[in-house]
Amino acid sequence: MYKLEAGIGVGDYAPDFSLKDCLGNTVKLSDFRGKENVLLAFYRGEADLYSMKWLSQLRDDYLEIRGLDTEVLGISADDPQKELDTGGRYELPFKLLSDPGCNVIMAYRVYDDFTHTATSAAFIVDRDGRIRYKYVSGAPPDLPDDTVIIEQLRNLV
């Protein structure tokens, strides 16, 4: 069975991080503080069809999410080249960040001991750096619901 820790909760400050995107650019969560909300979309990686389904849903809802003053950052343990391939293949308009050592994945307590990668999880981090919504799946087909995420984002406006 999957082993996931309880982790950080709603109202806590989101752990800051610095990760590379698929083009080698450094992205820091703290760069968004005071500017816009961030949806952290942890996913299992390109090899997981459920993850690709969720990323595709986020792509389809991206304009609405951006309209709610929120940026999406996808995070997986995939290497940057695989992230680049994934972003291109699925025409994803948001950044995919590579966490091959799973340091950020572990900091957010979404590391899956069974698959040795992230489980599907969504965290909404507000402009002040606090977590305002958290959803961590229990199994691969269990995905965060974009309609719930969008509703939560509307409550922040």
N, C-alpha and C. Protein backbone atom coordinates (compact mmCIF):
# COMPACT_ATOMS: atom_id res chain seq x y z
N MET A 1 0.84 -1.19 0.00
CA MET A 1 0.00 0.00 0.00
C MET A 1 0.88 1.24 0.00
N TYR A 2 0.30 2.36 -0.31
CA TYR A 2 1.03 3.62 -0.39
C TYR A 2 1.26 4.18 1.01
N LYS A 3 2.46 4.72 1.22
CA LYS A 3 2.77 5.33 2.51
C LYS A 3 2.98 6.82 2.28
N LEU A 4 2.05 7.61 2.78
CA LEU A 4 2.15 9.06 2.68
C LEU A 4 2.05 9.64 4.08
N GLU A 5 2.90 10.62 4.37
CA GLU A 5 2.86 11.26 5.67
C GLU A 5 1.79 12.35 5.66
N ALA A 6 1.31 12.70 6.85
CA ALA A 6 0.27 13.72 6.97
C ALA A 6 0.72 15.04 6.36
N GLY A 7 1.95 15.43 6.61
CA GLY A 7 2.52 16.61 5.96
C GLY A 7 2.05 17.93 6.49
N ILE A 8 2.30 18.94 5.69
CA ILE A 8 1.94 20.29 6.04
C ILE A 8 0.47 20.52 5.74
N GLY A 9 -0.13 21.49 6.41
CA GLY A 9 -1.55 21.66 6.26
C GLY A 9 -1.97 23.05 5.81
N VAL A 10 -3.25 23.20 5.59
CA VAL A 10 -3.84 24.47 5.21
C VAL A 10 -3.57 25.47 6.32
N GLY A 11 -3.11 26.65 5.93
CA GLY A 11 -2.77 27.69 6.89
C GLY A 11 -1.29 27.77 7.19
N ASP A 12 -0.56 26.68 6.93
CA ASP A 12 0.89 26.68 7.13
C ASP A 12 1.56 27.46 6.01
N TYR A 13 2.76 27.98 6.32
CA TYR A 13 3.56 28.57 5.25
C TYR A 13 4.10 27.45 4.37
N ALA A 14 4.03 27.67 3.07
CA ALA A 14 4.52 26.68 2.11
C ALA A 14 6.05 26.66 2.15
N PRO A 15 6.65 25.49 2.20
CA PRO A 15 8.11 25.42 2.14
C PRO A 15 8.61 26.03 0.83
N ASP A 16 9.57 26.94 0.95
CA ASP A 16 10.14 27.54 -0.24
C ASP A 16 11.02 26.51 -0.94
N PHE A 17 11.23 26.71 -2.22
CA PHE A 17 12.09 25.81 -2.98
C PHE A 17 12.67 26.54 -4.16
N SER A 18 13.67 25.94 -4.74
CA SER A 18 14.33 26.42 -5.95
C SER A 18 14.56 25.19 -6.83
N LEU A 19 13.88 25.14 -7.97
CA LEU A 19 14.00 24.01 -8.90
C LEU A 19 14.26 24.53 -10.30
N LYS A 20 14.79 23.68 -11.14
CA LYS A 20 15.03 24.00 -12.54
C LYS A 20 13.81 23.59 -13.37
N ASP A 21 13.48 24.46 -14.35
CA ASP A 21 12.45 24.07 -15.29
C ASP A 21 13.10 23.31 -16.44
N CYS A 22 12.32 22.92 -17.42
CA CYS A 22 12.83 22.09 -18.51
C CYS A 22 13.83 22.81 -19.41
N LEU A 23 13.93 24.14 -19.29
CA LEU A 23 14.89 24.90 -20.08
C LEU A 23 16.13 25.27 -19.27
N GLY A 24 16.19 24.80 -18.02
CA GLY A 24 17.34 25.07 -17.18
C GLY A 24 17.24 26.34 -16.36
N ASN A 25 16.09 27.02 -16.44
CA ASN A 25 15.89 28.24 -15.65
C ASN A 25 15.51 27.87 -14.22
N THR A 26 16.01 28.63 -13.26
CA THR A 26 15.69 28.40 -11.86
C THR A 26 14.37 29.09 -11.53
N VAL A 27 13.48 28.36 -10.88
CA VAL A 27 12.19 28.88 -10.44
C VAL A 27 12.13 28.71 -8.93
N LYS A 28 11.85 29.82 -8.23
CA LYS A 28 11.71 29.80 -6.78
C LYS A 28 10.27 30.12 -6.43
N LEU A 29 9.73 29.40 -5.46
CA LEU A 29 8.37 29.70 -5.01
C LEU A 29 8.32 31.12 -4.46
N SER A 30 9.36 31.54 -3.76
CA SER A 30 9.37 32.87 -3.15
C SER A 30 9.31 33.99 -4.19
N ASP A 31 9.65 33.73 -5.44
CA ASP A 31 9.55 34.74 -6.50
C ASP A 31 8.11 35.19 -6.74
N PHE A 32 7.14 34.38 -6.35
CA PHE A 32 5.73 34.69 -6.57
C PHE A 32 5.10 35.43 -5.39
N ARG A 33 5.80 35.44 -4.25
CA ARG A 33 5.26 36.04 -3.04
C ARG A 33 4.97 37.52 -3.27
N GLY A 34 3.78 37.93 -2.85
CA GLY A 34 3.35 39.31 -3.01
C GLY A 34 2.85 39.64 -4.40
N LYS A 35 2.95 38.71 -5.34
CA LYS A 35 2.58 38.97 -6.73
C LYS A 35 1.33 38.22 -7.17
N GLU A 36 1.35 36.89 -6.97
CA GLU A 36 0.21 36.08 -7.41
C GLU A 36 0.19 34.77 -6.64
N ASN A 37 -0.96 34.10 -6.71
CA ASN A 37 -1.10 32.78 -6.11
C ASN A 37 -0.38 31.76 -6.98
N VAL A 38 -0.09 30.61 -6.40
CA VAL A 38 0.56 29.53 -7.14
C VAL A 38 -0.19 28.23 -6.87
N LEU A 39 -0.47 27.50 -7.94
CA LEU A 39 -0.99 26.14 -7.81
C LEU A 39 0.18 25.19 -8.04
N LEU A 40 0.59 24.49 -6.99
CA LEU A 40 1.63 23.48 -7.11
C LEU A 40 0.94 22.17 -7.47
N ALA A 41 1.27 21.65 -8.64
CA ALA A 41 0.65 20.42 -9.15
C ALA A 41 1.72 19.33 -9.16
N PHE A 42 1.77 18.56 -8.09
CA PHE A 42 2.71 17.43 -8.03
C PHE A 42 2.11 16.28 -8.83
N TYR A 43 2.95 15.62 -9.61
CA TYR A 43 2.46 14.50 -10.40
C TYR A 43 3.52 13.41 -10.48
N ARG A 44 3.09 12.21 -10.81
CA ARG A 44 3.96 11.03 -10.76
C ARG A 44 5.01 11.00 -11.86
N GLY A 45 4.80 11.69 -12.92
CA GLY A 45 5.75 11.69 -14.03
C GLY A 45 5.08 11.29 -15.33
N GLU A 46 5.83 11.46 -16.41
CA GLU A 46 5.28 11.22 -17.74
C GLU A 46 4.81 9.78 -17.94
N ALA A 47 5.43 8.85 -17.27
CA ALA A 47 5.07 7.44 -17.46
C ALA A 47 3.69 7.10 -16.89
N ASP A 48 3.14 7.98 -16.07
CA ASP A 48 1.85 7.72 -15.43
C ASP A 48 0.71 8.36 -16.23
N LEU A 49 -0.14 7.54 -16.80
CA LEU A 49 -1.24 8.04 -17.64
C LEU A 49 -2.22 8.91 -16.86
N TYR A 50 -2.43 8.60 -15.59
CA TYR A 50 -3.34 9.41 -14.78
C TYR A 50 -2.77 10.82 -14.59
N SER A 51 -1.46 10.90 -14.38
CA SER A 51 -0.82 12.22 -14.25
C SER A 51 -0.98 13.02 -15.53
N MET A 52 -0.80 12.38 -16.66
CA MET A 52 -0.92 13.09 -17.93
C MET A 52 -2.36 13.54 -18.16
N LYS A 53 -3.31 12.76 -17.69
CA LYS A 53 -4.72 13.16 -17.78
C LYS A 53 -4.94 14.43 -16.96
N TRP A 54 -4.39 14.48 -15.75
CA TRP A 54 -4.57 15.64 -14.89
C TRP A 54 -3.88 16.88 -15.48
N LEU A 55 -2.64 16.71 -15.95
CA LEU A 55 -1.94 17.85 -16.55
C LEU A 55 -2.70 18.38 -17.77
N SER A 56 -3.30 17.47 -18.53
CA SER A 56 -4.10 17.90 -19.68
C SER A 56 -5.34 18.68 -19.23
N GLN A 57 -5.94 18.27 -18.13
CA GLN A 57 -7.08 19.02 -17.58
C GLN A 57 -6.64 20.40 -17.12
N LEU A 58 -5.47 20.47 -16.47
CA LEU A 58 -4.95 21.77 -16.06
C LEU A 58 -4.66 22.66 -17.28
N ARG A 59 -4.16 22.06 -18.34
CA ARG A 59 -3.94 22.80 -19.59
C ARG A 59 -5.25 23.40 -20.09
N ASP A 60 -6.31 22.57 -20.10
CA ASP A 60 -7.60 23.02 -20.60
C ASP A 60 -8.20 24.12 -19.74
N ASP A 61 -7.89 24.13 -18.45
CA ASP A 61 -8.42 25.13 -17.51
C ASP A 61 -7.44 26.26 -17.23
N TYR A 62 -6.30 26.26 -17.92
CA TYR A 62 -5.23 27.20 -17.59
C TYR A 62 -5.65 28.66 -17.71
N LEU A 63 -6.35 29.03 -18.75
CA LEU A 63 -6.75 30.44 -18.91
C LEU A 63 -7.66 30.89 -17.77
N GLU A 64 -8.55 30.01 -17.34
CA GLU A 64 -9.42 30.35 -16.21
C GLU A 64 -8.60 30.49 -14.93
N ILE A 65 -7.65 29.59 -14.73
CA ILE A 65 -6.79 29.64 -13.55
C ILE A 65 -5.96 30.93 -13.57
N ARG A 66 -5.37 31.26 -14.71
CA ARG A 66 -4.59 32.50 -14.83
C ARG A 66 -5.47 33.72 -14.60
N GLY A 67 -6.72 33.64 -15.04
CA GLY A 67 -7.66 34.73 -14.82
C GLY A 67 -7.96 34.97 -13.35
N LEU A 68 -7.63 33.99 -12.52
CA LEU A 68 -7.81 34.11 -11.07
C LEU A 68 -6.47 34.45 -10.40
N ASP A 69 -5.59 35.08 -11.17
CA ASP A 69 -4.30 35.58 -10.68
C ASP A 69 -3.46 34.46 -10.04
N THR A 70 -3.41 33.33 -10.75
CA THR A 70 -2.70 32.16 -10.24
C THR A 70 -1.83 31.57 -11.33
N GLU A 71 -0.62 31.21 -10.96
CA GLU A 71 0.28 30.50 -11.87
C GLU A 71 0.30 29.03 -11.47
N VAL A 72 0.48 28.17 -12.45
CA VAL A 72 0.56 26.72 -12.23
C VAL A 72 2.02 26.30 -12.38
N LEU A 73 2.50 25.51 -11.43
CA LEU A 73 3.82 24.90 -11.52
C LEU A 73 3.66 23.40 -11.34
N GLY A 74 3.99 22.64 -12.37
CA GLY A 74 3.97 21.18 -12.28
C GLY A 74 5.30 20.69 -11.75
N ILE A 75 5.27 19.76 -10.80
CA ILE A 75 6.50 19.25 -10.18
C ILE A 75 6.49 17.73 -10.19
N SER A 76 7.58 17.15 -10.71
CA SER A 76 7.74 15.70 -10.67
C SER A 76 9.22 15.37 -10.50
N ALA A 77 9.49 14.10 -10.34
CA ALA A 77 10.88 13.64 -10.21
C ALA A 77 11.52 13.40 -11.57
N ASP A 78 10.78 13.62 -12.66
CA ASP A 78 11.34 13.45 -14.00
C ASP A 78 12.51 14.40 -14.21
N ASP A 79 13.46 13.99 -15.05
CA ASP A 79 14.60 14.85 -15.35
C ASP A 79 14.14 15.97 -16.30
N PRO A 80 14.93 17.06 -16.41
CA PRO A 80 14.51 18.20 -17.24
C PRO A 80 14.21 17.85 -18.69
N GLN A 81 14.97 16.94 -19.29
CA GLN A 81 14.70 16.58 -20.68
C GLN A 81 13.33 15.92 -20.83
N LYS A 82 13.00 15.05 -19.90
CA LYS A 82 11.69 14.40 -19.94
C LYS A 82 10.58 15.44 -19.72
N GLU A 83 10.84 16.42 -18.83
CA GLU A 83 9.87 17.50 -18.61
C GLU A 83 9.65 18.28 -19.90
N LEU A 84 10.74 18.56 -20.62
CA LEU A 84 10.65 19.28 -21.88
C LEU A 84 9.80 18.49 -22.88
N ASP A 85 10.05 17.20 -22.97
CA ASP A 85 9.27 16.33 -23.86
C ASP A 85 7.80 16.32 -23.47
N THR A 86 7.53 16.21 -22.17
CA THR A 86 6.16 16.17 -21.67
C THR A 86 5.43 17.47 -22.00
N GLY A 87 6.08 18.60 -21.70
CA GLY A 87 5.47 19.90 -21.97
C GLY A 87 5.13 20.09 -23.43
N GLY A 88 6.03 19.66 -24.31
CA GLY A 88 5.79 19.78 -25.75
C GLY A 88 4.73 18.82 -26.25
N ARG A 89 4.82 17.59 -25.82
CA ARG A 89 3.88 16.57 -26.30
C ARG A 89 2.44 16.90 -25.91
N TYR A 90 2.26 17.41 -24.70
CA TYR A 90 0.91 17.70 -24.20
C TYR A 90 0.53 19.18 -24.33
N GLU A 91 1.41 19.97 -24.98
CA GLU A 91 1.17 21.39 -25.21
C GLU A 91 0.79 22.11 -23.92
N LEU A 92 1.60 21.91 -22.89
CA LEU A 92 1.33 22.50 -21.59
C LEU A 92 1.83 23.94 -21.55
N PRO A 93 0.97 24.88 -21.17
CA PRO A 93 1.35 26.30 -21.15
C PRO A 93 2.05 26.74 -19.87
N PHE A 94 2.16 25.85 -18.90
CA PHE A 94 2.77 26.19 -17.62
C PHE A 94 4.09 25.46 -17.45
N LYS A 95 4.89 25.92 -16.49
CA LYS A 95 6.22 25.36 -16.27
C LYS A 95 6.14 24.00 -15.58
N LEU A 96 7.00 23.10 -16.03
CA LEU A 96 7.20 21.83 -15.37
C LEU A 96 8.57 21.89 -14.72
N LEU A 97 8.61 21.58 -13.43
CA LEU A 97 9.85 21.67 -12.67
C LEU A 97 10.34 20.28 -12.32
N SER A 98 11.65 20.13 -12.40
CA SER A 98 12.29 18.83 -12.17
C SER A 98 12.84 18.74 -10.75
N ASP A 99 12.43 17.70 -10.05
CA ASP A 99 12.89 17.43 -8.68
C ASP A 99 13.41 15.99 -8.60
N PRO A 100 14.51 15.69 -9.33
CA PRO A 100 14.97 14.30 -9.42
C PRO A 100 15.40 13.71 -8.08
N GLY A 101 15.83 14.53 -7.15
CA GLY A 101 16.20 14.03 -5.82
C GLY A 101 15.02 13.94 -4.87
N CYS A 102 13.86 14.37 -5.33
CA CYS A 102 12.60 14.36 -4.56
C CYS A 102 12.68 15.20 -3.29
N ASN A 103 13.57 16.18 -3.23
CA ASN A 103 13.70 17.01 -2.03
C ASN A 103 12.45 17.84 -1.77
N VAL A 104 11.92 18.48 -2.81
CA VAL A 104 10.71 19.28 -2.65
C VAL A 104 9.51 18.37 -2.43
N ILE A 105 9.48 17.29 -3.17
CA ILE A 105 8.40 16.30 -3.01
C ILE A 105 8.34 15.81 -1.57
N MET A 106 9.49 15.55 -0.98
CA MET A 106 9.53 15.11 0.42
C MET A 106 9.17 16.25 1.37
N ALA A 107 9.60 17.48 1.07
CA ALA A 107 9.29 18.62 1.92
C ALA A 107 7.78 18.85 2.02
N TYR A 108 7.08 18.57 0.93
CA TYR A 108 5.62 18.72 0.92
C TYR A 108 4.91 17.45 1.37
N ARG A 109 5.66 16.44 1.72
CA ARG A 109 5.16 15.16 2.24
C ARG A 109 4.22 14.46 1.26
N VAL A 110 4.61 14.50 -0.04
CA VAL A 110 3.82 13.80 -1.05
C VAL A 110 4.67 12.73 -1.75
N TYR A 111 5.73 12.31 -1.09
CA TYR A 111 6.59 11.25 -1.62
C TYR A 111 5.90 9.91 -1.42
N ASP A 112 5.84 9.13 -2.47
CA ASP A 112 5.20 7.82 -2.44
C ASP A 112 6.30 6.77 -2.35
N ASP A 113 6.39 6.09 -1.23
CA ASP A 113 7.42 5.07 -1.01
C ASP A 113 7.30 3.90 -1.98
N PHE A 114 6.10 3.65 -2.47
CA PHE A 114 5.88 2.52 -3.36
C PHE A 114 6.46 2.77 -4.75
N THR A 115 6.23 3.99 -5.28
CA THR A 115 6.69 4.32 -6.64
C THR A 115 7.97 5.15 -6.65
N HIS A 116 8.39 5.61 -5.48
CA HIS A 116 9.61 6.43 -5.34
C HIS A 116 9.54 7.71 -6.16
N THR A 117 8.39 8.32 -6.13
CA THR A 117 8.17 9.61 -6.80
C THR A 117 7.05 10.32 -6.07
N ALA A 118 6.54 11.38 -6.65
CA ALA A 118 5.42 12.11 -6.04
C ALA A 118 4.12 11.40 -6.31
N THR A 119 3.20 11.56 -5.41
CA THR A 119 1.82 11.18 -5.69
C THR A 119 1.15 12.41 -6.27
N SER A 120 0.02 12.25 -6.91
CA SER A 120 -0.71 13.41 -7.43
C SER A 120 -1.21 14.23 -6.25
N ALA A 121 -0.88 15.52 -6.27
CA ALA A 121 -1.27 16.40 -5.17
C ALA A 121 -1.36 17.82 -5.67
N ALA A 122 -2.25 18.59 -5.06
CA ALA A 122 -2.42 20.00 -5.40
C ALA A 122 -2.33 20.83 -4.14
N PHE A 123 -1.56 21.90 -4.21
CA PHE A 123 -1.46 22.88 -3.13
C PHE A 123 -1.68 24.25 -3.74
N ILE A 124 -2.60 25.01 -3.18
CA ILE A 124 -2.75 26.41 -3.56
C ILE A 124 -2.00 27.22 -2.51
N VAL A 125 -1.03 27.99 -3.00
CA VAL A 125 -0.24 28.87 -2.13
C VAL A 125 -0.64 30.30 -2.47
N ASP A 126 -1.10 31.04 -1.45
CA ASP A 126 -1.54 32.40 -1.72
C ASP A 126 -0.36 33.37 -1.83
N ARG A 127 -0.66 34.61 -2.11
CA ARG A 127 0.37 35.64 -2.30
C ARG A 127 1.26 35.82 -1.07
N ASP A 128 0.74 35.50 0.10
CA ASP A 128 1.50 35.64 1.34
C ASP A 128 2.36 34.42 1.63
N GLY A 129 2.25 33.38 0.80
CA GLY A 129 3.05 32.18 0.99
C GLY A 129 2.41 31.12 1.86
N ARG A 130 1.14 31.29 2.16
CA ARG A 130 0.42 30.30 2.97
C ARG A 130 -0.37 29.33 2.10
N ILE A 131 -0.45 28.11 2.57
CA ILE A 131 -1.23 27.09 1.87
C ILE A 131 -2.70 27.32 2.17
N ARG A 132 -3.50 27.48 1.11
CA ARG A 132 -4.94 27.74 1.27
C ARG A 132 -5.80 26.56 0.84
N TYR A 133 -5.19 25.61 0.17
CA TYR A 133 -5.91 24.39 -0.24
C TYR A 133 -4.88 23.30 -0.42
N LYS A 134 -5.28 22.09 -0.03
CA LYS A 134 -4.38 20.94 -0.15
C LYS A 134 -5.22 19.72 -0.52
N TYR A 135 -4.74 18.99 -1.52
CA TYR A 135 -5.36 17.71 -1.88
C TYR A 135 -4.24 16.74 -2.23
N VAL A 136 -4.20 15.62 -1.54
CA VAL A 136 -3.19 14.59 -1.81
C VAL A 136 -3.93 13.30 -2.12
N SER A 137 -3.66 12.74 -3.31
CA SER A 137 -4.35 11.51 -3.71
C SER A 137 -3.83 10.31 -2.94
N GLY A 138 -4.67 9.31 -2.84
CA GLY A 138 -4.30 8.09 -2.15
C GLY A 138 -3.84 6.98 -3.08
N ALA A 139 -4.17 7.11 -4.36
CA ALA A 139 -3.83 6.08 -5.35
C ALA A 139 -3.79 6.74 -6.73
N PRO A 140 -3.09 6.14 -7.69
CA PRO A 140 -2.93 6.77 -9.01
C PRO A 140 -4.20 7.29 -9.69
N PRO A 141 -5.31 6.55 -9.70
CA PRO A 141 -6.47 7.09 -10.43
C PRO A 141 -7.17 8.23 -9.69
N ASP A 142 -6.82 8.44 -8.43
CA ASP A 142 -7.43 9.49 -7.61
C ASP A 142 -6.70 10.80 -7.91
N LEU A 143 -7.35 11.71 -8.65
CA LEU A 143 -6.72 12.94 -9.08
C LEU A 143 -7.38 14.16 -8.44
N PRO A 144 -6.63 15.24 -8.23
CA PRO A 144 -7.25 16.48 -7.78
C PRO A 144 -8.29 16.94 -8.79
N ASP A 145 -9.35 17.54 -8.30
CA ASP A 145 -10.47 17.97 -9.14
C ASP A 145 -10.29 19.45 -9.49
N ASP A 146 -10.14 19.75 -10.77
CA ASP A 146 -9.93 21.13 -11.20
C ASP A 146 -11.09 22.05 -10.84
N THR A 147 -12.33 21.53 -10.85
CA THR A 147 -13.46 22.40 -10.51
C THR A 147 -13.38 22.83 -9.05
N VAL A 148 -12.93 21.95 -8.18
CA VAL A 148 -12.75 22.30 -6.77
C VAL A 148 -11.59 23.29 -6.62
N ILE A 149 -10.51 23.06 -7.35
CA ILE A 149 -9.36 23.97 -7.31
C ILE A 149 -9.79 25.37 -7.76
N ILE A 150 -10.52 25.47 -8.84
CA ILE A 150 -10.97 26.76 -9.36
C ILE A 150 -11.90 27.44 -8.35
N GLU A 151 -12.78 26.67 -7.73
CA GLU A 151 -13.67 27.23 -6.70
C GLU A 151 -12.84 27.80 -5.54
N GLN A 152 -11.82 27.06 -5.12
CA GLN A 152 -10.95 27.53 -4.03
C GLN A 152 -10.22 28.81 -4.44
N LEU A 153 -9.77 28.89 -5.69
CA LEU A 153 -9.10 30.09 -6.17
C LEU A 153 -10.04 31.29 -6.20
N ARG A 154 -11.28 31.05 -6.56
CA ARG A 154 -12.27 32.15 -6.57
C ARG A 154 -12.46 32.71 -5.17
N ASN A 155 -12.35 31.86 -4.16
CA ASN A 155 -12.50 32.32 -2.77
C ASN A 155 -11.35 33.20 -2.33
N LEU A 156 -10.22 33.15 -3.04
CA LEU A 156 -9.07 33.98 -2.68
C LEU A 156 -9.14 35.37 -3.30
N VAL A 157 -10.01 35.53 -4.31
CA VAL A 157 -10.06 36.81 -5.01
C VAL A 157 -10.77 37.85 -4.17
